[in-house]
Amino acid sequence: MAFREQRDIGQSFLEYAIMLVLIAVIVVAILLIVGDDVRIFVRDLLQTWFPPSP
């Protein structure tokens, strides 16, 4: 019975690891597709919040 519980714990850990890897791949893909737009948006937002000193 104890062996089955350890295997279940290992299986759930593996499932979480696979989910994290898939999420990371999706995030990287999104950043590669819209990376420049995000960079420009953040730059404009920061310039609005913190305008350059004259």
PDB file of N, CA and C in Angstrom:
ATOM      1  N   MET A   1       0.820  -1.205   0.000  1.00  0.00           N
ATOM      2  CA  MET A   1       0.000   0.000   0.000  1.00  0.00           C
ATOM      3  C   MET A   1       0.866   1.272   0.000  1.00  0.00           C
ATOM      4  N   ALA A   2       1.986   1.249   0.749  1.00  0.00           N
ATOM      5  CA  ALA A   2       2.859   2.428   0.809  1.00  0.00           C
ATOM      6  C   ALA A   2       3.503   2.691  -0.549  1.00  0.00           C
ATOM      7  N   PHE A   3       3.855   1.609  -1.271  1.00  0.00           N
ATOM      8  CA  PHE A   3       4.475   1.780  -2.590  1.00  0.00           C
ATOM      9  C   PHE A   3       3.530   2.492  -3.542  1.00  0.00           C
ATOM     10  N   ARG A   4       2.264   2.156  -3.487  1.00  0.00           N
ATOM     11  CA  ARG A   4       1.283   2.795  -4.366  1.00  0.00           C
ATOM     12  C   ARG A   4       1.162   4.276  -4.053  1.00  0.00           C
ATOM     13  N   GLU A   5       1.184   4.636  -2.774  1.00  0.00           N
ATOM     14  CA  GLU A   5       1.075   6.051  -2.412  1.00  0.00           C
ATOM     15  C   GLU A   5       2.294   6.823  -2.893  1.00  0.00           C
ATOM     16  N   GLN A   6       3.494   6.241  -2.795  1.00  0.00           N
ATOM     17  CA  GLN A   6       4.689   6.926  -3.281  1.00  0.00           C
ATOM     18  C   GLN A   6       4.630   7.102  -4.789  1.00  0.00           C
ATOM     19  N   ARG A   7       4.147   6.097  -5.513  1.00  0.00           N
ATOM     20  CA  ARG A   7       4.045   6.197  -6.957  1.00  0.00           C
ATOM     21  C   ARG A   7       3.047   7.276  -7.353  1.00  0.00           C
ATOM     22  N   ASP A   8       1.949   7.373  -6.616  1.00  0.00           N
ATOM     23  CA  ASP A   8       0.959   8.413  -6.905  1.00  0.00           C
ATOM     24  C   ASP A   8       1.543   9.801  -6.691  1.00  0.00           C
ATOM     25  N   ILE A   9       2.353   9.951  -5.642  1.00  0.00           N
ATOM     26  CA  ILE A   9       2.979  11.248  -5.378  1.00  0.00           C
ATOM     27  C   ILE A   9       3.947  11.587  -6.506  1.00  0.00           C
ATOM     28  N   GLY A  10       4.755  10.614  -6.929  1.00  0.00           N
ATOM     29  CA  GLY A  10       5.685  10.839  -8.025  1.00  0.00           C
ATOM     30  C   GLY A  10       4.969  11.154  -9.319  1.00  0.00           C
ATOM     31  N   GLN A  11       3.857  10.497  -9.542  1.00  0.00           N
ATOM     32  CA  GLN A  11       3.097  10.741 -10.766  1.00  0.00           C
ATOM     33  C   GLN A  11       2.531  12.157 -10.755  1.00  0.00           C
ATOM     34  N   SER A  12       2.002  12.603  -9.618  1.00  0.00           N
ATOM     35  CA  SER A  12       1.440  13.948  -9.571  1.00  0.00           C
ATOM     36  C   SER A  12       2.551  14.994  -9.735  1.00  0.00           C
ATOM     37  N   PHE A  13       3.741  14.722  -9.182  1.00  0.00           N
ATOM     38  CA  PHE A  13       4.868  15.642  -9.364  1.00  0.00           C
ATOM     39  C   PHE A  13       5.247  15.727 -10.836  1.00  0.00           C
ATOM     40  N   LEU A  14       5.272  14.597 -11.501  1.00  0.00           N
ATOM     41  CA  LEU A  14       5.603  14.581 -12.924  1.00  0.00           C
ATOM     42  C   LEU A  14       4.561  15.347 -13.730  1.00  0.00           C
ATOM     43  N   GLU A  15       3.300  15.206 -13.375  1.00  0.00           N
ATOM     44  CA  GLU A  15       2.245  15.938 -14.088  1.00  0.00           C
ATOM     45  C   GLU A  15       2.416  17.438 -13.907  1.00  0.00           C
ATOM     46  N   TYR A  16       2.747  17.880 -12.687  1.00  0.00           N
ATOM     47  CA  TYR A  16       2.969  19.307 -12.454  1.00  0.00           C
ATOM     48  C   TYR A  16       4.177  19.800 -13.250  1.00  0.00           C
ATOM     49  N   ALA A  17       5.232  18.999 -13.306  1.00  0.00           N
ATOM     50  CA  ALA A  17       6.424  19.393 -14.048  1.00  0.00           C
ATOM     51  C   ALA A  17       6.111  19.529 -15.534  1.00  0.00           C
ATOM     52  N   ILE A  18       5.352  18.594 -16.079  1.00  0.00           N
ATOM     53  CA  ILE A  18       4.984  18.669 -17.497  1.00  0.00           C
ATOM     54  C   ILE A  18       4.117  19.901 -17.757  1.00  0.00           C
ATOM     55  N   MET A  19       3.199  20.189 -16.857  1.00  0.00           N
ATOM     56  CA  MET A  19       2.351  21.378 -17.033  1.00  0.00           C
ATOM     57  C   MET A  19       3.194  22.648 -17.000  1.00  0.00           C
ATOM     58  N   LEU A  20       4.166  22.725 -16.079  1.00  0.00           N
ATOM     59  CA  LEU A  20       5.015  23.915 -16.009  1.00  0.00           C
ATOM     60  C   LEU A  20       5.851  24.078 -17.272  1.00  0.00           C
ATOM     61  N   VAL A  21       6.355  22.983 -17.806  1.00  0.00           N
ATOM     62  CA  VAL A  21       7.130  23.049 -19.038  1.00  0.00           C
ATOM     63  C   VAL A  21       6.257  23.525 -20.191  1.00  0.00           C
ATOM     64  N   LEU A  22       5.051  22.999 -20.299  1.00  0.00           N
ATOM     65  CA  LEU A  22       4.149  23.421 -21.372  1.00  0.00           C
ATOM     66  C   LEU A  22       3.788  24.902 -21.250  1.00  0.00           C
ATOM     67  N   ILE A  23       3.536  25.361 -20.029  1.00  0.00           N
ATOM     68  CA  ILE A  23       3.219  26.776 -19.822  1.00  0.00           C
ATOM     69  C   ILE A  23       4.415  27.642 -20.196  1.00  0.00           C
ATOM     70  N   ALA A  24       5.628  27.207 -19.826  1.00  0.00           N
ATOM     71  CA  ALA A  24       6.825  27.974 -20.170  1.00  0.00           C
ATOM     72  C   ALA A  24       7.008  28.049 -21.677  1.00  0.00           C
ATOM     73  N   VAL A  25       6.769  26.957 -22.382  1.00  0.00           N
ATOM     74  CA  VAL A  25       6.895  26.962 -23.840  1.00  0.00           C
ATOM     75  C   VAL A  25       5.880  27.908 -24.463  1.00  0.00           C
ATOM     76  N   ILE A  26       4.673  27.912 -23.957  1.00  0.00           N
ATOM     77  CA  ILE A  26       3.632  28.796 -24.479  1.00  0.00           C
ATOM     78  C   ILE A  26       3.996  30.261 -24.231  1.00  0.00           C
ATOM     79  N   VAL A  27       4.498  30.567 -23.037  1.00  0.00           N
ATOM     80  CA  VAL A  27       4.884  31.947 -22.722  1.00  0.00           C
ATOM     81  C   VAL A  27       6.029  32.405 -23.616  1.00  0.00           C
ATOM     82  N   VAL A  28       7.017  31.549 -23.819  1.00  0.00           N
ATOM     83  CA  VAL A  28       8.134  31.908 -24.696  1.00  0.00           C
ATOM     84  C   VAL A  28       7.642  32.137 -26.122  1.00  0.00           C
ATOM     85  N   ALA A  29       6.742  31.288 -26.598  1.00  0.00           N
ATOM     86  CA  ALA A  29       6.211  31.452 -27.950  1.00  0.00           C
ATOM     87  C   ALA A  29       5.461  32.778 -28.079  1.00  0.00           C
ATOM     88  N   ILE A  30       4.660  33.109 -27.087  1.00  0.00           N
ATOM     89  CA  ILE A  30       3.919  34.379 -27.126  1.00  0.00           C
ATOM     90  C   ILE A  30       4.885  35.561 -27.127  1.00  0.00           C
ATOM     91  N   LEU A  31       5.934  35.478 -26.283  1.00  0.00           N
ATOM     92  CA  LEU A  31       6.893  36.578 -26.245  1.00  0.00           C
ATOM     93  C   LEU A  31       7.663  36.703 -27.550  1.00  0.00           C
ATOM     94  N   LEU A  32       7.950  35.599 -28.204  1.00  0.00           N
ATOM     95  CA  LEU A  32       8.632  35.674 -29.494  1.00  0.00           C
ATOM     96  C   LEU A  32       7.736  36.297 -30.560  1.00  0.00           C
ATOM     97  N   ILE A  33       6.437  36.045 -30.463  1.00  0.00           N
ATOM     98  CA  ILE A  33       5.511  36.571 -31.465  1.00  0.00           C
ATOM     99  C   ILE A  33       5.248  38.060 -31.247  1.00  0.00           C
ATOM    100  N   VAL A  34       4.979  38.467 -30.013  1.00  0.00           N
ATOM    101  CA  VAL A  34       4.604  39.855 -29.740  1.00  0.00           C
ATOM    102  C   VAL A  34       5.637  40.580 -28.880  1.00  0.00           C
ATOM    103  N   GLY A  35       6.853  40.107 -28.853  1.00  0.00           N
ATOM    104  CA  GLY A  35       7.890  40.677 -27.981  1.00  0.00           C
ATOM    105  C   GLY A  35       8.154  42.144 -28.240  1.00  0.00           C
ATOM    106  N   ASP A  36       8.288  42.522 -29.498  1.00  0.00           N
ATOM    107  CA  ASP A  36       8.578  43.921 -29.809  1.00  0.00           C
ATOM    108  C   ASP A  36       7.427  44.832 -29.398  1.00  0.00           C
ATOM    109  N   ASP A  37       6.209  44.395 -29.610  1.00  0.00           N
ATOM    110  CA  ASP A  37       5.055  45.205 -29.211  1.00  0.00           C
ATOM    111  C   ASP A  37       5.009  45.397 -27.707  1.00  0.00           C
ATOM    112  N   VAL A  38       5.314  44.350 -26.961  1.00  0.00           N
ATOM    113  CA  VAL A  38       5.319  44.438 -25.492  1.00  0.00           C
ATOM    114  C   VAL A  38       6.427  45.380 -25.036  1.00  0.00           C
ATOM    115  N   ARG A  39       7.612  45.267 -25.644  1.00  0.00           N
ATOM    116  CA  ARG A  39       8.734  46.134 -25.283  1.00  0.00           C
ATOM    117  C   ARG A  39       8.387  47.599 -25.533  1.00  0.00           C
ATOM    118  N   ILE A  40       7.788  47.893 -26.672  1.00  0.00           N
ATOM    119  CA  ILE A  40       7.403  49.271 -27.007  1.00  0.00           C
ATOM    120  C   ILE A  40       6.324  49.774 -26.048  1.00  0.00           C
ATOM    121  N   PHE A  41       5.354  48.919 -25.722  1.00  0.00           N
ATOM    122  CA  PHE A  41       4.288  49.312 -24.797  1.00  0.00           C
ATOM    123  C   PHE A  41       4.865  49.644 -23.426  1.00  0.00           C
ATOM    124  N   VAL A  42       5.769  48.809 -22.915  1.00  0.00           N
ATOM    125  CA  VAL A  42       6.357  49.051 -21.592  1.00  0.00           C
ATOM    126  C   VAL A  42       7.197  50.321 -21.608  1.00  0.00           C
ATOM    127  N   ARG A  43       7.959  50.532 -22.685  1.00  0.00           N
ATOM    128  CA  ARG A  43       8.775  51.744 -22.780  1.00  0.00           C
ATOM    129  C   ARG A  43       7.896  52.991 -22.764  1.00  0.00           C
ATOM    130  N   ASP A  44       6.815  52.972 -23.559  1.00  0.00           N
ATOM    131  CA  ASP A  44       5.910  54.124 -23.595  1.00  0.00           C
ATOM    132  C   ASP A  44       5.232  54.341 -22.250  1.00  0.00           C
ATOM    133  N   LEU A  45       4.844  53.260 -21.600  1.00  0.00           N
ATOM    134  CA  LEU A  45       4.194  53.365 -20.297  1.00  0.00           C
ATOM    135  C   LEU A  45       5.142  53.960 -19.262  1.00  0.00           C
ATOM    136  N   LEU A  46       6.383  53.500 -19.244  1.00  0.00           N
ATOM    137  CA  LEU A  46       7.354  54.032 -18.292  1.00  0.00           C
ATOM    138  C   LEU A  46       7.687  55.490 -18.578  1.00  0.00           C
ATOM    139  N   GLN A  47       7.741  55.868 -19.858  1.00  0.00           N
ATOM    140  CA  GLN A  47       7.994  57.269 -20.183  1.00  0.00           C
ATOM    141  C   GLN A  47       6.822  58.150 -19.768  1.00  0.00           C
ATOM    142  N   THR A  48       5.617  57.594 -19.797  1.00  0.00           N
ATOM    143  CA  THR A  48       4.452  58.355 -19.349  1.00  0.00           C
ATOM    144  C   THR A  48       4.478  58.531 -17.832  1.00  0.00           C
ATOM    145  N   TRP A  49       4.798  57.471 -17.122  1.00  0.00           N
ATOM    146  CA  TRP A  49       4.829  57.529 -15.649  1.00  0.00           C
ATOM    147  C   TRP A  49       6.023  58.313 -15.149  1.00  0.00           C
ATOM    148  N   PHE A  50       7.165  58.141 -15.772  1.00  0.00           N
ATOM    149  CA  PHE A  50       8.393  58.787 -15.344  1.00  0.00           C
ATOM    150  C   PHE A  50       9.011  59.533 -16.518  1.00  0.00           C
ATOM    151  N   PRO A  51       8.496  60.744 -16.806  1.00  0.00           N
ATOM    152  CA  PRO A  51       9.018  61.482 -17.971  1.00  0.00           C
ATOM    153  C   PRO A  51      10.494  61.839 -17.760  1.00  0.00           C
ATOM    154  N   PRO A  52      11.254  61.864 -18.866  1.00  0.00           N
ATOM    155  CA  PRO A  52      12.677  62.192 -18.745  1.00  0.00           C
ATOM    156  C   PRO A  52      12.867  63.622 -18.227  1.00  0.00           C
ATOM    157  N   SER A  53      13.917  63.806 -17.451  1.00  0.00           N
ATOM    158  CA  SER A  53      14.211  65.147 -16.912  1.00  0.00           C
ATOM    159  C   SER A  53      14.767  66.019 -18.029  1.00  0.00           C
ATOM    160  N   PRO A  54      14.383  67.319 -18.014  1.00  0.00           N
ATOM    161  CA  PRO A  54      14.908  68.230 -19.042  1.00  0.00           C
ATOM    162  C   PRO A  54      16.353  68.598 -18.817  1.00  0.00           C
TER     163      PRO A  54
END
